[in-house]
Amino acid sequence: MTKADIVNEIAKNTGIDKVTVLTTVEAFMETVKVSLSKNDNVYLRGFGSFVIKQRAEKTARNISKNTTIIIPAHNIPSFKPAKTFVSVVK
């Protein structure tokens, strides 16, 4: 399902025009991105949580050049679904 499919489905179910729904969906996604960039987690009850996970520094190999490189510690966004979400998907 794409963003356009989501917008169409919401517009069909609510009766709100597609332009308004698209603006709302994009504002939601932008708000989540901004919150995560500030290291603030986003919790949506019954749906799930958008959280920041910290990855430790690690050593890796560049096999084409046969060299060792160090990947620095960094943060990565992650989604953890709520129990009710998981039970519906099963």
C-alpha atoms as a PDB file:
ATOM      1  CA  MET A   1       0.000   0.000   0.000  1.00  0.00           C
ATOM      2  CA  THR A   2       1.415   3.382  -0.991  1.00  0.00           C
ATOM      3  CA  LYS A   3       0.849   6.819   0.487  1.00  0.00           C
ATOM      4  CA  ALA A   4      -1.606   7.551  -2.333  1.00  0.00           C
ATOM      5  CA  ASP A   5      -3.557   4.387  -1.478  1.00  0.00           C
ATOM      6  CA  ILE A   6      -3.696   5.436   2.178  1.00  0.00           C
ATOM      7  CA  VAL A   7      -4.917   8.921   1.227  1.00  0.00           C
ATOM      8  CA  ASN A   8      -7.595   7.461  -1.068  1.00  0.00           C
ATOM      9  CA  GLU A   9      -8.792   5.041   1.617  1.00  0.00           C
ATOM     10  CA  ILE A  10      -8.981   7.731   4.321  1.00  0.00           C
ATOM     11  CA  ALA A  11     -10.782  10.123   1.956  1.00  0.00           C
ATOM     12  CA  LYS A  12     -13.279   7.402   1.012  1.00  0.00           C
ATOM     13  CA  ASN A  13     -13.940   6.390   4.638  1.00  0.00           C
ATOM     14  CA  THR A  14     -14.220   9.906   6.092  1.00  0.00           C
ATOM     15  CA  GLY A  15     -15.645  11.959   3.228  1.00  0.00           C
ATOM     16  CA  ILE A  16     -12.828  14.486   3.517  1.00  0.00           C
ATOM     17  CA  ASP A  17     -11.321  15.658   0.229  1.00  0.00           C
ATOM     18  CA  LYS A  18      -8.047  14.058  -0.875  1.00  0.00           C
ATOM     19  CA  VAL A  19      -6.023  17.299  -0.781  1.00  0.00           C
ATOM     20  CA  THR A  20      -6.808  17.819   2.908  1.00  0.00           C
ATOM     21  CA  VAL A  21      -6.086  14.186   3.739  1.00  0.00           C
ATOM     22  CA  LEU A  22      -2.775  14.316   1.829  1.00  0.00           C
ATOM     23  CA  THR A  23      -1.750  17.472   3.691  1.00  0.00           C
ATOM     24  CA  THR A  24      -2.628  15.843   7.004  1.00  0.00           C
ATOM     25  CA  VAL A  25      -0.754  12.610   6.252  1.00  0.00           C
ATOM     26  CA  GLU A  26       2.348  14.517   5.111  1.00  0.00           C
ATOM     27  CA  ALA A  27       2.190  16.761   8.204  1.00  0.00           C
ATOM     28  CA  PHE A  28       1.982  13.644  10.400  1.00  0.00           C
ATOM     29  CA  MET A  29       5.020  12.070   8.725  1.00  0.00           C
ATOM     30  CA  GLU A  30       6.990  15.322   8.977  1.00  0.00           C
ATOM     31  CA  THR A  31       6.117  15.657  12.674  1.00  0.00           C
ATOM     32  CA  VAL A  32       7.326  12.100  13.344  1.00  0.00           C
ATOM     33  CA  LYS A  33      10.599  12.771  11.466  1.00  0.00           C
ATOM     34  CA  VAL A  34      11.226  16.028  13.340  1.00  0.00           C
ATOM     35  CA  SER A  35      10.479  14.400  16.704  1.00  0.00           C
ATOM     36  CA  LEU A  36      12.832  11.495  16.006  1.00  0.00           C
ATOM     37  CA  SER A  37      15.562  13.868  14.817  1.00  0.00           C
ATOM     38  CA  LYS A  38      15.318  15.563  18.238  1.00  0.00           C
ATOM     39  CA  ASN A  39      15.661  12.125  19.930  1.00  0.00           C
ATOM     40  CA  ASP A  40      12.013  12.268  21.052  1.00  0.00           C
ATOM     41  CA  ASN A  41      10.150   8.971  20.682  1.00  0.00           C
ATOM     42  CA  VAL A  42       6.588   8.960  19.302  1.00  0.00           C
ATOM     43  CA  TYR A  43       4.021   6.736  21.038  1.00  0.00           C
ATOM     44  CA  LEU A  44       0.651   5.970  19.420  1.00  0.00           C
ATOM     45  CA  ARG A  45      -1.534   3.822  21.703  1.00  0.00           C
ATOM     46  CA  GLY A  46      -3.017   0.838  19.946  1.00  0.00           C
ATOM     47  CA  PHE A  47      -0.736   1.309  16.934  1.00  0.00           C
ATOM     48  CA  GLY A  48       2.897   1.345  18.003  1.00  0.00           C
ATOM     49  CA  SER A  49       5.955   3.409  18.808  1.00  0.00           C
ATOM     50  CA  PHE A  50       8.505   5.149  16.638  1.00  0.00           C
ATOM     51  CA  VAL A  51      11.717   5.006  18.668  1.00  0.00           C
ATOM     52  CA  ILE A  52      15.389   5.823  18.257  1.00  0.00           C
ATOM     53  CA  LYS A  53      17.813   2.927  18.709  1.00  0.00           C
ATOM     54  CA  GLN A  54      21.488   3.511  19.325  1.00  0.00           C
ATOM     55  CA  ARG A  55      23.952   1.412  17.358  1.00  0.00           C
ATOM     56  CA  ALA A  56      27.386   0.915  18.879  1.00  0.00           C
ATOM     57  CA  GLU A  57      30.634   1.558  17.028  1.00  0.00           C
ATOM     58  CA  LYS A  58      31.813  -1.489  15.134  1.00  0.00           C
ATOM     59  CA  THR A  59      34.618  -2.679  12.909  1.00  0.00           C
ATOM     60  CA  ALA A  60      33.799  -3.807   9.383  1.00  0.00           C
ATOM     61  CA  ARG A  61      35.749  -4.935   6.324  1.00  0.00           C
ATOM     62  CA  ASN A  62      35.820  -3.510   2.828  1.00  0.00           C
ATOM     63  CA  ILE A  63      36.363  -6.775   0.980  1.00  0.00           C
ATOM     64  CA  SER A  64      37.057  -5.167  -2.396  1.00  0.00           C
ATOM     65  CA  LYS A  65      40.029  -3.199  -1.003  1.00  0.00           C
ATOM     66  CA  ASN A  66      40.828  -5.670   1.783  1.00  0.00           C
ATOM     67  CA  THR A  67      40.841  -2.931   4.415  1.00  0.00           C
ATOM     68  CA  THR A  68      39.291  -2.518   7.835  1.00  0.00           C
ATOM     69  CA  ILE A  69      36.946   0.396   8.453  1.00  0.00           C
ATOM     70  CA  ILE A  70      35.318   1.640  11.623  1.00  0.00           C
ATOM     71  CA  ILE A  71      31.623   2.421  11.522  1.00  0.00           C
ATOM     72  CA  PRO A  72      30.958   5.070  14.188  1.00  0.00           C
ATOM     73  CA  ALA A  73      28.152   4.824  16.737  1.00  0.00           C
ATOM     74  CA  HIS A  74      24.907   6.221  15.355  1.00  0.00           C
ATOM     75  CA  ASN A  75      21.173   6.425  15.948  1.00  0.00           C
ATOM     76  CA  ILE A  76      18.633   4.643  13.757  1.00  0.00           C
ATOM     77  CA  PRO A  77      14.829   5.028  13.693  1.00  0.00           C
ATOM     78  CA  SER A  78      12.750   1.970  14.451  1.00  0.00           C
ATOM     79  CA  PHE A  79       9.064   1.040  14.705  1.00  0.00           C
ATOM     80  CA  LYS A  80       7.743  -1.237  17.425  1.00  0.00           C
ATOM     81  CA  PRO A  81       4.111  -2.287  16.882  1.00  0.00           C
ATOM     82  CA  ALA A  82       1.659  -2.374  19.787  1.00  0.00           C
ATOM     83  CA  LYS A  83       0.340  -5.719  21.035  1.00  0.00           C
ATOM     84  CA  THR A  84      -3.119  -4.988  19.598  1.00  0.00           C
ATOM     85  CA  PHE A  85      -1.515  -4.202  16.221  1.00  0.00           C
ATOM     86  CA  VAL A  86       0.407  -7.483  16.240  1.00  0.00           C
ATOM     87  CA  SER A  87      -2.666  -9.491  17.204  1.00  0.00           C
ATOM     88  CA  VAL A  88      -4.606  -8.107  14.211  1.00  0.00           C
ATOM     89  CA  VAL A  89      -1.790  -8.888  11.767  1.00  0.00           C
ATOM     90  CA  LYS A  90      -1.307 -12.491  12.953  1.00  0.00           C
END
